[in-house]
Amino acid sequence: MKPQSFVKSLENFYVVKPLNPFKSRVKYMTSFKLAINPYRGCPYKCIYCYIYGYTRMSDIRYPASRKLFKRRLRRDIREYARLGLPKYPVYLSPSCEPLHPFLENRYGNTLYALRTLKEEGFPVIISTKNPSRLLREEYLEALDRKSTTIHISVPFLDNRFEPNASLPIGRIWAASKLVKEGLTVYIRVEPIIPSYGAIAGQSKMELKTIVKEARKAGVYDIISKCLLLSIGVSKVYPSFYKELKPYYLRHGYSDGTYYMLDYNTRIRLLMPLYKACRRNNVRLWTQINDLPFSEAPSCNELESLTYFR
């Protein structure tokens, strides 16, 4: 079935959605993934976050459980089975932190989703800044080692752009423990933020250190891309947006609701990370299909690798 057909089939679903219903309609999409967001908004409120471009301000200020999440997830899974749709990977979650301590302690939506998806045989991709939560016994039991991939976000060595998130060193420690548990772990060094004006993006040394620490933790794969500067950031962190906008106007272009850097600028910003990965025998996955780096597959290939592992 073509991606367009899947998008149509899922129109009346409550919580199970296409990962990107806009991208899924274009010809170059190489794989299809589902997405589940257990919560509305994200308590971390990272300064660079792209969700500010499409998330309501009330949800940004007051993150909460999605309405009737558990009941609606069960309803969607039953309907999915009734339609006879293939069990594509489910991404937890593109628009919120699925393992935030306060939300998960109060509602337990992500744990419920993991148990349900394991029972139904769906591959799962977890994207998180709080991987230590997964080391709890009940979460480890809810993870299928053969079909679960964990993406841990560690773009910086400190919390200068992520004031409410867990410490990066703790995320890397958790990555090492999850690897020892037999789980597949990727480190997401994204977004790469340019240094401009008062904004201090990643230095070469910072990127080298992140790669070295990831390698020590037993991680052999890193995912990265440059910052897409969402216009929505101006609503939440106007100084960050105003500081970087001139750089993006000079070295990039507007693409709807965000600014994107041009090809050569992205290559220049990614090069230190690529070199660090080469030195440490770590693979770099990118979202630039024609990236002039040898042995650097694109994230489209990563999607297929995740699905067919």
Protein backbone atom coordinates (compact mmCIF):
# COMPACT_ATOMS: atom_id res chain seq x y z
CA MET A 1 0.00 0.00 0.00
CA LYS A 2 1.32 3.48 -0.90
CA PRO A 3 1.99 6.08 1.86
CA GLN A 4 -0.92 8.19 0.59
CA SER A 5 -3.28 5.27 1.22
CA PHE A 6 -2.02 4.86 4.78
CA VAL A 7 -2.59 8.54 5.50
CA LYS A 8 -6.17 8.19 4.30
CA SER A 9 -6.75 5.05 6.37
CA LEU A 10 -5.57 6.75 9.57
CA GLU A 11 -7.59 9.95 9.22
CA ASN A 12 -10.14 8.91 11.88
CA PHE A 13 -7.59 7.55 14.36
CA TYR A 14 -7.21 9.38 17.66
CA VAL A 15 -3.61 8.79 18.76
CA VAL A 16 -1.99 6.55 16.13
CA LYS A 17 -0.95 8.85 13.28
CA PRO A 18 1.46 8.92 10.33
CA LEU A 19 4.86 10.14 11.54
CA ASN A 20 4.74 12.97 9.03
CA PRO A 21 1.52 13.15 6.99
CA PHE A 22 2.95 15.91 4.81
CA LYS A 23 6.21 14.22 3.92
CA SER A 24 4.41 10.91 3.41
CA ARG A 25 2.62 12.36 0.41
CA VAL A 26 5.78 13.07 -1.57
CA LYS A 27 7.54 10.71 -3.93
CA TYR A 28 10.95 10.50 -2.23
CA MET A 29 9.70 8.93 1.00
CA THR A 30 11.43 5.55 1.31
CA SER A 31 9.66 4.13 4.34
CA PHE A 32 6.55 4.68 6.39
CA LYS A 33 6.34 5.05 10.17
CA LEU A 34 3.55 5.62 12.65
CA ALA A 35 3.70 8.08 15.52
CA ILE A 36 2.17 8.20 18.98
CA ASN A 37 2.40 11.26 21.24
CA PRO A 38 1.31 10.21 24.76
CA TYR A 39 1.27 13.80 26.01
CA ARG A 40 0.38 17.32 24.87
CA GLY A 41 3.28 19.75 24.98
CA CYS A 42 6.67 19.04 26.55
CA PRO A 43 7.85 20.15 30.01
CA TYR A 44 11.48 20.39 28.89
CA LYS A 45 10.80 23.53 26.82
CA CYS A 46 14.13 23.31 25.00
CA ILE A 47 15.04 26.65 23.48
CA TYR A 48 15.42 25.38 19.90
CA CYS A 49 12.40 23.05 19.75
CA TYR A 50 10.53 22.75 16.45
CA ILE A 51 7.18 21.91 18.08
CA TYR A 52 6.65 25.59 18.88
CA GLY A 53 5.70 26.00 15.25
CA TYR A 54 2.54 23.91 15.54
CA THR A 55 1.80 23.40 19.25
CA ARG A 56 -0.79 25.50 21.08
CA MET A 57 0.64 27.93 23.62
CA SER A 58 -1.63 26.47 26.31
CA ASP A 59 0.00 23.06 25.80
CA ILE A 60 3.47 24.58 25.80
CA ARG A 61 2.75 26.30 29.12
CA TYR A 62 0.83 23.42 30.71
CA PRO A 63 1.86 20.00 29.32
CA ALA A 64 -0.63 17.24 30.13
CA SER A 65 -1.93 13.82 29.16
CA ARG A 66 -3.74 13.45 25.88
CA LYS A 67 -7.43 13.07 26.51
CA LEU A 68 -8.57 9.47 27.13
CA PHE A 69 -5.19 8.33 25.82
CA LYS A 70 -5.26 4.70 26.96
CA ARG A 71 -8.82 4.03 25.83
CA ARG A 72 -8.22 5.69 22.48
CA LEU A 73 -4.95 3.86 21.91
CA ARG A 74 -6.73 0.54 22.37
CA ARG A 75 -9.50 1.66 20.02
CA ASP A 76 -6.93 2.69 17.36
CA ILE A 77 -5.02 -0.60 17.65
CA ARG A 78 -8.23 -2.60 17.23
CA GLU A 79 -9.22 -0.55 14.19
CA TYR A 80 -5.72 -0.88 12.75
CA ALA A 81 -5.98 -4.67 13.01
CA ARG A 82 -9.48 -4.66 11.51
CA LEU A 83 -8.19 -2.78 8.47
CA GLY A 84 -5.42 -5.35 8.03
CA LEU A 85 -2.68 -2.72 7.87
CA PRO A 86 0.99 -3.77 8.10
CA LYS A 87 2.68 -3.32 11.46
CA TYR A 88 5.00 -0.46 10.67
CA PRO A 89 7.37 0.95 13.31
CA VAL A 90 5.79 3.25 15.88
CA TYR A 91 7.72 6.37 16.87
CA LEU A 92 7.39 7.48 20.51
CA SER A 93 7.26 10.41 20.18
CA PRO A 94 7.92 13.26 17.73
CA SER A 95 6.17 16.10 19.59
CA CYS A 96 6.72 15.48 23.29
CA GLU A 97 9.06 13.84 25.77
CA PRO A 98 7.50 10.40 26.30
CA LEU A 99 9.38 9.68 29.55
CA HIS A 100 9.19 12.93 31.49
CA PRO A 101 9.19 12.02 35.22
CA PHE A 102 6.22 14.16 36.28
CA LEU A 103 3.91 13.20 33.42
CA GLU A 104 4.87 9.55 33.42
CA ASN A 105 4.53 9.25 37.20
CA ARG A 106 1.09 10.79 37.06
CA TYR A 107 -0.36 9.14 33.94
CA GLY A 108 1.91 6.27 32.83
CA ASN A 109 0.82 6.69 29.22
CA THR A 110 4.14 5.72 27.67
CA LEU A 111 4.49 2.57 29.76
CA TYR A 112 0.97 1.62 28.77
CA ALA A 113 1.76 2.28 25.10
CA LEU A 114 4.95 0.20 25.25
CA ARG A 115 3.12 -2.76 26.81
CA THR A 116 0.31 -2.52 24.26
CA LEU A 117 2.63 -2.24 21.27
CA LYS A 118 4.72 -5.18 22.48
CA GLU A 119 1.60 -7.31 22.87
CA GLU A 120 0.49 -6.40 19.35
CA GLY A 121 3.91 -6.98 17.77
CA PHE A 122 4.72 -3.44 16.58
CA PRO A 123 8.37 -2.38 16.22
CA VAL A 124 9.02 0.66 18.42
CA ILE A 125 11.37 3.64 18.19
CA ILE A 126 11.69 5.67 21.42
CA SER A 127 13.10 9.20 21.24
CA THR A 128 13.97 10.60 24.66
CA LYS A 129 16.05 12.93 26.80
CA ASN A 130 15.28 10.82 29.88
CA PRO A 131 16.57 7.33 29.01
CA SER A 132 17.20 6.38 32.65
CA ARG A 133 13.45 5.86 33.01
CA LEU A 134 13.74 2.86 30.70
CA LEU A 135 16.08 1.15 33.17
CA ARG A 136 13.20 0.57 35.58
CA GLU A 137 12.11 -3.04 35.71
CA GLU A 138 8.58 -2.42 34.42
CA TYR A 139 9.89 -0.54 31.38
CA LEU A 140 12.56 -3.11 30.55
CA GLU A 141 9.87 -5.78 30.66
CA ALA A 142 7.77 -3.74 28.22
CA LEU A 143 10.57 -3.53 25.65
CA ASP A 144 11.04 -6.16 22.97
CA ARG A 145 14.81 -6.39 22.53
CA LYS A 146 14.50 -7.51 18.92
CA SER A 147 12.20 -4.75 17.69
CA THR A 148 12.93 -1.75 19.92
CA THR A 149 15.32 1.05 19.00
CA ILE A 150 16.15 3.84 21.45
CA HIS A 151 17.19 7.28 20.23
CA ILE A 152 18.80 9.29 23.04
CA SER A 153 19.17 13.01 22.46
CA VAL A 154 22.60 14.36 23.51
CA PRO A 155 23.28 17.41 21.36
CA PHE A 156 25.35 19.28 23.98
CA LEU A 157 27.57 18.62 26.98
CA ASP A 158 25.58 21.01 29.15
CA ASN A 159 22.03 22.31 29.47
CA ARG A 160 22.46 25.75 27.93
CA PHE A 161 19.69 25.12 25.38
CA GLU A 162 17.84 22.47 27.42
CA PRO A 163 17.38 24.07 30.84
CA ASN A 164 14.79 21.59 32.12
CA ALA A 165 16.15 18.34 30.71
CA SER A 166 18.25 15.73 32.51
CA LEU A 167 22.03 16.19 32.49
CA PRO A 168 23.74 14.97 29.28
CA ILE A 169 26.27 12.90 31.24
CA GLY A 170 23.36 11.03 32.83
CA ARG A 171 21.85 10.33 29.42
CA ILE A 172 25.12 8.81 28.20
CA TRP A 173 25.39 6.73 31.38
CA ALA A 174 21.87 5.43 30.78
CA ALA A 175 22.80 4.66 27.17
CA SER A 176 25.63 2.40 28.37
CA LYS A 177 23.27 0.54 30.70
CA LEU A 178 20.64 0.08 27.98
CA VAL A 179 23.30 -1.29 25.61
CA LYS A 180 24.28 -3.81 28.29
CA GLU A 181 20.61 -4.80 28.51
CA GLY A 182 20.82 -5.84 24.86
CA LEU A 183 18.92 -2.88 23.44
CA THR A 184 19.78 -1.03 20.24
CA VAL A 185 20.75 2.56 21.06
CA TYR A 186 21.47 5.55 18.84
CA ILE A 187 22.68 8.94 20.06
CA ARG A 188 21.01 11.95 18.44
CA VAL A 189 23.44 14.87 18.24
CA GLU A 190 20.83 17.23 16.93
CA PRO A 191 20.26 19.93 16.24
CA ILE A 192 23.66 21.28 15.27
CA ILE A 193 23.38 24.97 16.11
CA PRO A 194 25.65 27.55 14.47
CA SER A 195 27.63 29.90 16.67
CA TYR A 196 26.52 33.40 15.85
CA GLY A 197 26.22 36.59 17.86
CA ALA A 198 25.38 35.67 21.44
CA ILE A 199 24.47 32.08 20.49
CA ALA A 200 27.15 29.51 21.33
CA GLY A 201 26.58 26.47 19.17
CA GLN A 202 28.55 23.26 19.52
CA SER A 203 32.33 23.65 19.38
CA LYS A 204 34.53 21.10 17.62
CA MET A 205 35.78 19.90 21.00
CA GLU A 206 32.25 19.51 22.31
CA LEU A 207 31.28 17.35 19.34
CA LYS A 208 34.45 15.27 19.66
CA THR A 209 33.75 14.65 23.34
CA ILE A 210 30.14 13.63 22.74
CA VAL A 211 31.25 11.09 20.12
CA LYS A 212 34.00 9.71 22.36
CA GLU A 213 31.62 9.33 25.30
CA ALA A 214 28.98 7.70 23.10
CA ARG A 215 31.58 5.22 21.84
CA LYS A 216 32.66 4.43 25.41
CA ALA A 217 29.01 3.74 26.22
CA GLY A 218 28.93 1.12 23.47
CA VAL A 219 27.00 3.21 20.92
CA TYR A 220 28.16 2.86 17.31
CA ASP A 221 25.60 5.06 15.57
CA ILE A 222 24.95 8.81 15.76
CA ILE A 223 22.13 10.73 14.07
CA SER A 224 22.49 14.41 13.35
CA LYS A 225 21.07 17.34 11.41
CA CYS A 226 21.33 21.11 11.52
CA LEU A 227 18.79 23.28 13.27
CA LEU A 228 15.62 24.15 11.42
CA LEU A 229 14.82 27.55 12.86
CA SER A 230 11.08 27.49 13.44
CA ILE A 231 9.23 30.78 13.34
CA GLY A 232 7.27 29.43 16.30
CA VAL A 233 10.41 29.71 18.48
CA SER A 234 9.91 33.47 18.40
CA LYS A 235 6.76 33.02 20.52
CA VAL A 236 8.59 31.24 23.32
CA TYR A 237 12.25 32.34 23.09
CA PRO A 238 12.25 35.54 21.02
CA SER A 239 15.86 36.49 21.81
CA PHE A 240 17.19 33.15 20.53
CA TYR A 241 15.13 33.48 17.35
CA LYS A 242 16.12 37.11 16.70
CA GLU A 243 19.79 36.36 17.31
CA LEU A 244 19.96 33.51 14.80
CA LYS A 245 17.56 34.77 12.14
CA PRO A 246 20.14 37.02 10.38
CA TYR A 247 22.49 34.03 10.06
CA TYR A 248 19.74 31.93 8.49
CA LEU A 249 18.78 34.72 6.12
CA ARG A 250 22.41 35.03 5.02
CA HIS A 251 23.18 31.30 4.79
CA GLY A 252 19.79 29.76 4.11
CA TYR A 253 16.24 30.34 3.02
CA SER A 254 12.65 30.39 4.24
CA ASP A 255 10.65 27.21 3.78
CA GLY A 256 7.14 27.88 5.03
CA THR A 257 7.13 28.12 8.80
CA TYR A 258 10.86 27.69 9.34
CA TYR A 259 14.27 28.73 8.03
CA MET A 260 16.67 26.13 6.66
CA LEU A 261 20.41 26.44 6.08
CA ASP A 262 21.79 25.98 2.59
CA TYR A 263 23.61 22.84 1.54
CA ASN A 264 27.19 24.12 1.87
CA THR A 265 26.55 25.60 5.32
CA ARG A 266 25.08 22.35 6.58
CA ILE A 267 28.09 20.45 5.25
CA ARG A 268 30.46 22.84 7.02
CA LEU A 269 28.62 22.55 10.34
CA LEU A 270 28.38 18.76 10.17
CA MET A 271 32.01 18.18 9.12
CA PRO A 272 33.55 18.24 12.65
CA LEU A 273 31.02 15.69 13.83
CA TYR A 274 31.64 13.52 10.79
CA LYS A 275 35.42 13.58 11.38
CA ALA A 276 34.95 12.71 15.05
CA CYS A 277 32.75 9.77 14.08
CA ARG A 278 35.33 8.51 11.61
CA ARG A 279 38.08 8.66 14.23
CA ASN A 280 36.01 6.71 16.73
CA ASN A 281 34.60 4.11 14.32
CA VAL A 282 31.06 5.43 14.74
CA ARG A 283 28.56 5.77 11.89
CA LEU A 284 26.98 9.15 11.24
CA TRP A 285 23.41 9.15 9.94
CA THR A 286 22.22 12.33 8.30
CA GLN A 287 19.19 13.75 6.51
CA ILE A 288 21.16 15.02 3.53
CA ASN A 289 20.75 12.42 0.82
CA ASP A 290 23.67 13.65 -1.27
CA LEU A 291 26.05 14.32 1.60
CA PRO A 292 29.65 14.19 0.26
CA PHE A 293 30.88 12.08 3.18
CA SER A 294 31.94 8.54 2.51
CA GLU A 295 30.30 5.92 4.74
CA ALA A 296 27.62 8.36 5.94
CA PRO A 297 24.21 6.90 5.10
CA SER A 298 21.13 9.08 5.03
CA CYS A 299 18.33 8.96 7.60
CA ASN A 300 16.05 7.54 4.92
CA GLU A 301 18.27 4.47 4.96
CA LEU A 302 18.14 4.51 8.76
CA GLU A 303 14.35 4.26 8.61
CA SER A 304 14.62 1.12 6.50
CA LEU A 305 17.36 -0.31 8.74
CA THR A 306 15.19 0.24 11.81
CA TYR A 307 12.24 -1.48 10.18
CA PHE A 308 14.05 -4.46 8.70
CA ARG A 309 16.48 -5.12 11.53
